Structure formats: C-alpha cells, structure tokens
Amino acid sequence: MSVTRYHSMCRQGIGRPVQIRTFNGQVHRGVIERVGGNRVYLRPFGRANFAGYGYPYYGGYGGYGGWGWGAGIALGAIAALAFIPFFF
C-alpha cells in the first residue's frame, strides 16, 4: 500500500485504536494521536498520558516504542495497519 494511502487512513482514524506492523517486524498498538507529514504518533495502551506532574509527556525516551510521542512511526515503514475494535 502506498504512503499516501496510509497517511489518509491514519488521518481519518485519529482517536481510534490501531495495530501497526512495520517492515522490520515490530508491532505497535495504541490510539492514533496525530499524523504529521510522514509520521503517525500513537498513544500506547496501558500508559498514562502524563509524566508525573500533570504535564503531557512529549519526550523521546524509547522513540516510537511507546514512551510518549517520541519520534513517531514513519509512514513508509508501515507494512500493515489494522483498526481494532476494543482496547486491550
């Protein structure tokens, strides 16, 4: 599937839970928070939205592995994207 198609699907799915599998085999599950020009940013399941003091955490610890918004997942790295019906 093309990057343009994934971008469109992610933009339409903001606020919805997804599972994304990348070409290197990593699986990311979470809620789509935002979509940039070439990246999608997830809020991972089971993680608090705050960094301890009531402020949103936008740091980079762990990159797109689920420790905040970090660097996001490159749209070109997505091998499969599936919207999931329920939270885990």
N, C-alpha and C. Protein backbone atom coordinates (compact mmCIF):
# COMPACT_ATOMS: atom_id res chain seq x y z
N MET A 1 0.85 -1.17 0.00
CA MET A 1 0.00 0.00 0.00
C MET A 1 0.90 1.24 0.00
N SER A 2 0.46 2.29 -0.61
CA SER A 2 1.29 3.49 -0.75
C SER A 2 1.30 4.32 0.54
N VAL A 3 2.32 5.12 0.67
CA VAL A 3 2.46 6.01 1.83
C VAL A 3 1.28 6.97 1.88
N THR A 4 0.85 7.45 0.72
CA THR A 4 -0.29 8.38 0.66
C THR A 4 -1.55 7.73 1.21
N ARG A 5 -1.75 6.47 0.91
CA ARG A 5 -2.93 5.75 1.41
C ARG A 5 -2.87 5.58 2.93
N TYR A 6 -1.69 5.20 3.46
CA TYR A 6 -1.54 5.08 4.92
C TYR A 6 -1.75 6.43 5.60
N HIS A 7 -1.25 7.50 5.00
CA HIS A 7 -1.43 8.83 5.56
C HIS A 7 -2.91 9.17 5.65
N SER A 8 -3.64 8.90 4.59
CA SER A 8 -5.08 9.17 4.56
C SER A 8 -5.83 8.33 5.60
N MET A 9 -5.49 7.05 5.68
CA MET A 9 -6.15 6.16 6.64
C MET A 9 -5.89 6.62 8.07
N CYS A 10 -4.65 7.00 8.36
CA CYS A 10 -4.30 7.44 9.71
C CYS A 10 -4.98 8.76 10.06
N ARG A 11 -5.06 9.68 9.11
CA ARG A 11 -5.74 10.97 9.37
C ARG A 11 -7.21 10.74 9.68
N GLN A 12 -7.84 9.83 8.96
CA GLN A 12 -9.25 9.54 9.20
C GLN A 12 -9.46 8.77 10.50
N GLY A 13 -8.40 8.12 10.98
CA GLY A 13 -8.51 7.29 12.18
C GLY A 13 -8.00 7.93 13.45
N ILE A 14 -7.77 9.24 13.46
CA ILE A 14 -7.31 9.90 14.68
C ILE A 14 -8.32 9.65 15.79
N GLY A 15 -7.80 9.19 16.94
CA GLY A 15 -8.66 8.87 18.08
C GLY A 15 -9.10 7.42 18.13
N ARG A 16 -8.76 6.64 17.11
CA ARG A 16 -9.16 5.23 17.07
C ARG A 16 -7.98 4.32 17.41
N PRO A 17 -8.27 3.17 18.05
CA PRO A 17 -7.20 2.22 18.36
C PRO A 17 -6.76 1.47 17.11
N VAL A 18 -5.43 1.27 16.99
CA VAL A 18 -4.85 0.58 15.84
C VAL A 18 -3.75 -0.37 16.26
N GLN A 19 -3.43 -1.26 15.34
CA GLN A 19 -2.23 -2.08 15.44
C GLN A 19 -1.45 -1.86 14.16
N ILE A 20 -0.18 -1.47 14.32
CA ILE A 20 0.68 -1.21 13.17
C ILE A 20 1.86 -2.18 13.22
N ARG A 21 2.09 -2.85 12.11
CA ARG A 21 3.26 -3.73 11.97
C ARG A 21 4.19 -3.08 10.96
N THR A 22 5.47 -2.95 11.34
CA THR A 22 6.46 -2.33 10.45
C THR A 22 7.19 -3.42 9.66
N PHE A 23 7.92 -3.00 8.64
CA PHE A 23 8.64 -3.95 7.80
C PHE A 23 9.72 -4.72 8.57
N ASN A 24 10.21 -4.16 9.67
CA ASN A 24 11.23 -4.88 10.45
C ASN A 24 10.61 -5.80 11.50
N GLY A 25 9.28 -5.97 11.48
CA GLY A 25 8.60 -6.93 12.34
C GLY A 25 8.09 -6.39 13.66
N GLN A 26 8.33 -5.14 13.98
CA GLN A 26 7.82 -4.57 15.23
C GLN A 26 6.32 -4.35 15.13
N VAL A 27 5.64 -4.56 16.26
CA VAL A 27 4.20 -4.33 16.33
C VAL A 27 3.95 -3.23 17.35
N HIS A 28 3.16 -2.24 16.95
CA HIS A 28 2.82 -1.11 17.81
C HIS A 28 1.31 -1.06 17.93
N ARG A 29 0.82 -0.98 19.17
CA ARG A 29 -0.62 -0.88 19.42
C ARG A 29 -0.88 0.38 20.22
N GLY A 30 -1.92 1.11 19.84
CA GLY A 30 -2.26 2.32 20.56
C GLY A 30 -3.35 3.08 19.84
N VAL A 31 -3.59 4.28 20.33
CA VAL A 31 -4.59 5.16 19.75
C VAL A 31 -3.86 6.22 18.95
N ILE A 32 -4.32 6.48 17.73
CA ILE A 32 -3.69 7.49 16.90
C ILE A 32 -3.95 8.86 17.52
N GLU A 33 -2.88 9.55 17.90
CA GLU A 33 -2.98 10.88 18.49
C GLU A 33 -2.92 11.97 17.43
N ARG A 34 -1.97 11.82 16.52
CA ARG A 34 -1.82 12.81 15.45
C ARG A 34 -1.04 12.19 14.30
N VAL A 35 -1.12 12.87 13.16
CA VAL A 35 -0.42 12.42 11.96
C VAL A 35 0.33 13.62 11.39
N GLY A 36 1.65 13.46 11.24
CA GLY A 36 2.47 14.51 10.64
C GLY A 36 2.59 14.28 9.15
N GLY A 37 3.51 14.98 8.53
CA GLY A 37 3.70 14.85 7.09
C GLY A 37 4.11 13.45 6.67
N ASN A 38 4.97 12.80 7.48
CA ASN A 38 5.42 11.46 7.11
C ASN A 38 5.48 10.51 8.32
N ARG A 39 4.80 10.86 9.41
CA ARG A 39 4.81 10.02 10.62
C ARG A 39 3.43 9.97 11.25
N VAL A 40 3.19 8.87 11.94
CA VAL A 40 1.98 8.73 12.74
C VAL A 40 2.42 8.57 14.19
N TYR A 41 1.69 9.23 15.09
CA TYR A 41 2.03 9.24 16.51
C TYR A 41 0.92 8.54 17.29
N LEU A 42 1.32 7.55 18.09
CA LEU A 42 0.36 6.76 18.86
C LEU A 42 0.46 7.06 20.34
N ARG A 43 -0.67 6.95 21.03
CA ARG A 43 -0.69 6.91 22.49
C ARG A 43 -0.82 5.43 22.83
N PRO A 44 0.22 4.82 23.37
CA PRO A 44 0.20 3.38 23.62
C PRO A 44 -0.85 2.98 24.66
N PHE A 45 -1.36 1.78 24.56
CA PHE A 45 -2.28 1.26 25.56
C PHE A 45 -1.54 1.04 26.86
N GLY A 46 -2.22 1.26 27.98
CA GLY A 46 -1.65 0.96 29.28
C GLY A 46 -0.64 1.95 29.78
N ARG A 47 -0.46 3.03 29.10
CA ARG A 47 0.49 4.07 29.55
C ARG A 47 -0.31 5.30 29.96
N ALA A 48 0.11 5.93 31.03
CA ALA A 48 -0.52 7.17 31.46
C ALA A 48 -0.20 8.27 30.45
N ASN A 49 -1.10 9.24 30.36
CA ASN A 49 -0.88 10.34 29.43
C ASN A 49 0.01 11.42 30.03
N PHE A 50 0.40 11.27 31.28
CA PHE A 50 1.14 12.32 31.95
C PHE A 50 2.46 11.80 32.48
N ALA A 51 3.40 12.71 32.61
CA ALA A 51 4.76 12.36 33.01
C ALA A 51 4.98 12.55 34.50
N GLY A 52 3.95 12.50 35.30
CA GLY A 52 4.13 12.53 36.74
C GLY A 52 3.70 13.81 37.40
N TYR A 53 3.69 14.94 36.70
CA TYR A 53 3.35 16.22 37.32
C TYR A 53 2.15 16.87 36.65
N GLY A 54 1.36 16.11 35.93
CA GLY A 54 0.18 16.66 35.30
C GLY A 54 0.45 17.31 33.95
N TYR A 55 1.67 17.13 33.42
CA TYR A 55 2.00 17.69 32.13
C TYR A 55 2.13 16.58 31.11
N PRO A 56 1.65 16.80 29.89
CA PRO A 56 1.82 15.77 28.86
C PRO A 56 3.29 15.48 28.62
N TYR A 57 3.59 14.24 28.29
CA TYR A 57 4.96 13.82 28.04
C TYR A 57 5.20 13.71 26.56
N TYR A 58 6.08 14.55 26.04
CA TYR A 58 6.39 14.54 24.62
C TYR A 58 7.85 14.17 24.39
N GLY A 59 8.47 13.54 25.35
CA GLY A 59 9.89 13.24 25.29
C GLY A 59 10.24 12.15 24.32
N GLY A 60 11.52 11.86 24.21
CA GLY A 60 11.97 10.91 23.23
C GLY A 60 12.50 9.61 23.81
N TYR A 61 12.42 9.39 25.11
CA TYR A 61 12.91 8.14 25.67
C TYR A 61 12.15 6.97 25.05
N GLY A 62 12.84 6.11 24.38
CA GLY A 62 12.20 4.97 23.76
C GLY A 62 11.71 5.24 22.36
N GLY A 63 11.86 6.45 21.86
CA GLY A 63 11.45 6.77 20.49
C GLY A 63 9.99 6.45 20.26
N TYR A 64 9.70 5.74 19.18
CA TYR A 64 8.31 5.41 18.89
C TYR A 64 7.91 4.10 19.54
N GLY A 65 8.72 3.59 20.46
CA GLY A 65 8.43 2.32 21.09
C GLY A 65 7.37 2.39 22.17
N GLY A 66 6.83 3.55 22.45
CA GLY A 66 5.72 3.62 23.36
C GLY A 66 5.94 4.41 24.63
N TRP A 67 6.96 5.24 24.71
CA TRP A 67 7.21 6.03 25.91
C TRP A 67 6.81 7.47 25.69
N GLY A 68 5.75 7.74 25.01
CA GLY A 68 5.34 9.09 24.70
C GLY A 68 5.27 9.24 23.19
N TRP A 69 5.14 10.46 22.73
CA TRP A 69 5.02 10.66 21.29
C TRP A 69 6.33 10.42 20.59
N GLY A 70 7.42 10.76 21.22
CA GLY A 70 8.75 10.48 20.68
C GLY A 70 8.88 10.86 19.23
N ALA A 71 9.46 10.00 18.43
CA ALA A 71 9.74 10.28 17.04
C ALA A 71 8.62 9.85 16.11
N GLY A 72 7.66 9.10 16.59
CA GLY A 72 6.57 8.63 15.75
C GLY A 72 7.00 7.46 14.88
N ILE A 73 6.07 6.89 14.17
CA ILE A 73 6.32 5.77 13.27
C ILE A 73 6.30 6.32 11.85
N ALA A 74 7.35 6.08 11.12
CA ALA A 74 7.41 6.56 9.74
C ALA A 74 6.35 5.85 8.90
N LEU A 75 5.60 6.62 8.14
CA LEU A 75 4.55 6.03 7.30
C LEU A 75 5.14 5.07 6.27
N GLY A 76 6.35 5.33 5.80
CA GLY A 76 6.99 4.46 4.83
C GLY A 76 7.44 3.14 5.41
N ALA A 77 7.49 3.03 6.75
CA ALA A 77 7.92 1.79 7.41
C ALA A 77 6.75 0.86 7.73
N ILE A 78 5.53 1.31 7.47
CA ILE A 78 4.35 0.51 7.81
C ILE A 78 4.13 -0.59 6.78
N ALA A 79 4.11 -1.82 7.27
CA ALA A 79 3.82 -2.96 6.41
C ALA A 79 2.33 -3.30 6.47
N ALA A 80 1.71 -3.11 7.63
CA ALA A 80 0.28 -3.41 7.79
C ALA A 80 -0.31 -2.50 8.87
N LEU A 81 -1.53 -2.04 8.64
CA LEU A 81 -2.23 -1.20 9.59
C LEU A 81 -3.63 -1.77 9.75
N ALA A 82 -4.04 -1.99 10.99
CA ALA A 82 -5.38 -2.53 11.24
C ALA A 82 -6.04 -1.75 12.36
N PHE A 83 -7.24 -1.30 12.12
CA PHE A 83 -8.02 -0.67 13.18
C PHE A 83 -8.62 -1.77 14.02
N ILE A 84 -8.51 -1.64 15.34
CA ILE A 84 -9.00 -2.70 16.23
C ILE A 84 -10.22 -2.19 16.99
N PRO A 85 -11.18 -3.07 17.25
CA PRO A 85 -12.46 -2.63 17.80
C PRO A 85 -12.44 -2.30 19.29
N PHE A 86 -11.56 -2.92 20.07
CA PHE A 86 -11.60 -2.73 21.51
C PHE A 86 -10.21 -2.50 22.05
N PHE A 87 -10.16 -1.84 23.21
CA PHE A 87 -8.89 -1.65 23.90
C PHE A 87 -8.51 -2.95 24.59
N PHE A 88 -7.24 -3.18 24.76
CA PHE A 88 -6.75 -4.40 25.41
C PHE A 88 -6.80 -4.21 26.89
